[in-house]
Structures are given as C-alpha cells and as structure tokens.
Protein backbone atom coordinates (compact mmCIF):
# COMPACT_ATOMS: atom_id res chain seq x y z
CA VAL A 1 -1.40 16.94 -11.23
CA GLN A 2 2.28 18.23 -9.44
CA LEU A 3 4.59 16.57 -7.80
CA GLN A 4 7.40 18.85 -6.78
CA ALA A 5 10.37 17.05 -5.27
CA SER A 6 12.84 19.03 -2.80
CA GLY A 7 15.72 18.10 -0.55
CA GLY A 8 18.84 17.62 -2.14
CA GLY A 9 22.09 19.88 -2.22
CA LEU A 10 25.32 19.28 -1.52
CA VAL A 11 26.22 16.90 1.22
CA GLN A 12 29.73 15.33 1.93
CA VAL A 13 30.39 11.51 1.95
CA GLY A 14 29.03 10.14 5.23
CA GLY A 15 26.53 12.51 5.31
CA SER A 16 22.44 12.46 5.64
CA LEU A 17 20.15 13.68 3.40
CA ARG A 18 16.11 13.64 3.61
CA LEU A 19 13.94 14.86 0.22
CA SER A 20 10.70 15.27 0.07
CA CYS A 21 8.02 14.95 -2.29
CA ALA A 22 4.47 16.63 -2.39
CA ALA A 23 2.12 15.88 -4.19
CA SER A 24 -1.01 17.64 -5.37
CA GLY A 25 -4.09 17.49 -8.05
CA LEU A 26 -4.61 14.02 -7.15
CA THR A 27 -5.65 11.27 -4.06
CA PHE A 28 -2.21 10.66 -2.75
CA SER A 29 -3.06 7.68 -0.93
CA THR A 30 -4.08 5.42 -4.24
CA TYR A 31 -0.51 5.92 -5.74
CA THR A 32 2.45 3.66 -4.77
CA MET A 33 5.32 6.19 -4.59
CA ALA A 34 9.05 5.71 -5.47
CA TRP A 35 11.62 7.42 -5.88
CA PHE A 36 14.68 7.29 -9.18
CA ARG A 37 18.00 9.01 -9.84
CA GLN A 38 19.83 9.45 -12.93
CA ALA A 39 23.39 10.52 -12.44
CA PRO A 40 25.16 12.12 -15.75
CA GLY A 41 25.58 9.63 -18.79
CA LYS A 42 23.34 6.52 -17.25
CA GLU A 43 20.03 5.99 -17.01
CA ARG A 44 16.88 6.78 -14.76
CA GLU A 45 17.46 3.98 -11.89
CA PHE A 46 15.20 2.97 -9.49
CA VAL A 47 16.12 3.19 -6.01
CA ALA A 48 12.96 2.55 -3.58
CA GLY A 49 9.52 2.11 -3.48
CA ILE A 50 6.54 1.89 -1.11
CA HIS A 51 2.56 0.87 -1.60
CA TYR A 52 0.64 3.65 -1.06
CA GLY A 53 -0.68 1.69 2.49
CA GLY A 54 3.13 2.68 3.58
CA GLY A 55 3.52 -1.15 4.59
CA ASN A 56 5.48 -2.50 1.72
CA THR A 57 8.58 -0.72 0.65
CA TYR A 58 11.55 -2.33 -1.53
CA TYR A 59 15.20 -0.87 -1.91
CA THR A 60 17.57 -1.02 -4.50
CA ASP A 61 20.86 -2.94 -3.23
CA ALA A 62 22.96 0.08 -3.88
CA VAL A 63 20.91 2.23 -0.73
CA GLN A 64 19.72 -1.11 1.07
CA GLY A 65 20.60 -0.21 5.17
CA ARG A 66 21.65 3.29 4.17
CA SER A 67 18.16 4.53 3.35
CA THR A 68 14.30 4.66 3.96
CA ILE A 69 11.07 5.90 2.20
CA SER A 70 8.11 6.82 4.15
CA ARG A 71 5.08 8.66 3.42
CA ASP A 72 2.65 10.91 4.99
CA ASN A 73 -0.47 10.60 3.49
CA SER A 74 -2.10 13.18 6.07
CA LYS A 75 0.40 15.39 4.09
CA ASN A 76 0.03 14.48 0.90
CA THR A 77 4.54 13.88 0.75
CA GLY A 78 6.40 11.37 0.23
CA TYR A 79 10.03 11.21 1.86
CA LEU A 80 13.38 9.27 1.32
CA GLN A 81 16.12 9.91 4.14
CA MET A 82 19.44 8.65 2.96
CA ASN A 83 22.12 8.48 5.48
CA SER A 84 26.19 7.28 4.98
CA LEU A 85 26.19 9.24 1.87
CA LYS A 86 28.59 7.99 -1.34
CA PRO A 87 30.08 10.28 -4.12
CA GLU A 88 27.92 7.05 -5.80
CA ASP A 89 24.87 8.51 -4.74
CA THR A 90 25.24 11.87 -6.89
CA ALA A 91 22.21 12.46 -9.45
CA VAL A 92 19.26 13.85 -9.38
CA TYR A 93 16.70 12.19 -7.48
CA TYR A 94 13.23 12.07 -8.38
CA CYS A 95 9.73 10.84 -7.29
CA ALA A 96 7.00 9.48 -9.49
CA LEU A 97 3.51 7.44 -8.75
CA ILE A 98 1.78 4.95 -9.92
CA ARG A 99 -1.71 3.93 -8.92
CA ARG A 100 -1.85 0.80 -8.36
CA PRO A 101 -0.78 -2.06 -5.65
CA TYR A 102 2.22 -2.53 -4.67
CA SER A 103 3.88 -5.57 -3.24
CA GLY A 104 7.18 -3.91 -1.91
CA THR A 105 9.19 -7.37 -3.72
CA TYR A 106 10.57 -5.94 -7.26
CA PRO A 107 11.87 -2.62 -8.62
CA LEU A 108 9.32 -0.55 -9.86
CA ARG A 109 10.02 0.51 -13.72
CA PRO A 110 10.30 4.03 -14.74
CA ASP A 111 8.51 3.45 -18.44
CA GLY A 112 5.78 2.27 -15.76
CA MET A 113 5.22 5.25 -13.76
CA ASN A 114 2.21 7.44 -13.87
CA TYR A 115 3.54 10.63 -13.07
CA TRP A 116 7.13 12.15 -11.87
CA GLY A 117 8.16 15.24 -10.39
CA LYS A 118 11.30 17.51 -11.72
CA GLY A 119 13.86 16.26 -9.40
CA THR A 120 16.40 17.21 -7.04
CA LEU A 121 19.94 17.35 -7.58
CA VAL A 122 22.18 15.61 -4.59
CA THR A 123 25.49 15.70 -4.79
CA VAL A 124 27.82 13.96 -2.54
CA SER A 125 31.28 15.39 -2.28
CA SER A 126 34.91 13.85 -1.17
C-alpha cells in the first residue's frame, strides 16, 4: 500500500494550494480518507475527513469555510483545496485512510487510521 501526498509548497498569506493524495495497492473507494497536519513542536491534528463514497465530510474549525476535501475514486486520488491560507496553516500535511464508513460528524483520530502517506510541507509566509 502506498499513499503519495503532493502539492505542498511556499505560498503567501491569502494564497491557495491544492494537495493531492494518490493511493495504490488497495481499493481506494472502500476507505474513508482524512487529512492531518503537524506543525513544528505540535501534535498531529485532524484537518478534514471524507467518507469513502464522498458524501460526508467534516472539517476542523480552523479550516472550516476555507478548505474543501474531495476525492475521485476513479483516479484513486483524494484532494484538499485550501484557500485564504494563514501563517498558522504552516505544517506538514498527511493523508491517511481508514477502512470504515464515516458519518462526517466528528474528527478522526490519528491513532485510528490504517494507512499514512509521507506528508507534504505547506509553508505560508507573511
């Protein structure tokens, strides 16, 4: 199983980025997907999650209204569109999968995920 996150980079405050997570070695459409992030010196935190069918989503308050999680099961790829970026969004972003349904009503826990990608660095400069 391999998850390859990409799309990170250096962006100015107010800018946008689209992160991608390409999955292989499993049936992507049977896994709920989530994005987490970890800033220097901080614990890994949940950012957004999406049910394997794509219908249910949930966002942490910090990105609600500025980010959109989505997926294309035909391409085995998930996405996180982030807009109006802030310096506090600076972190390594990880995609992760868990093989169970997701109601989209609560944040997922890092220790509950089955598979992780290596992460992509997002740096927001002011």
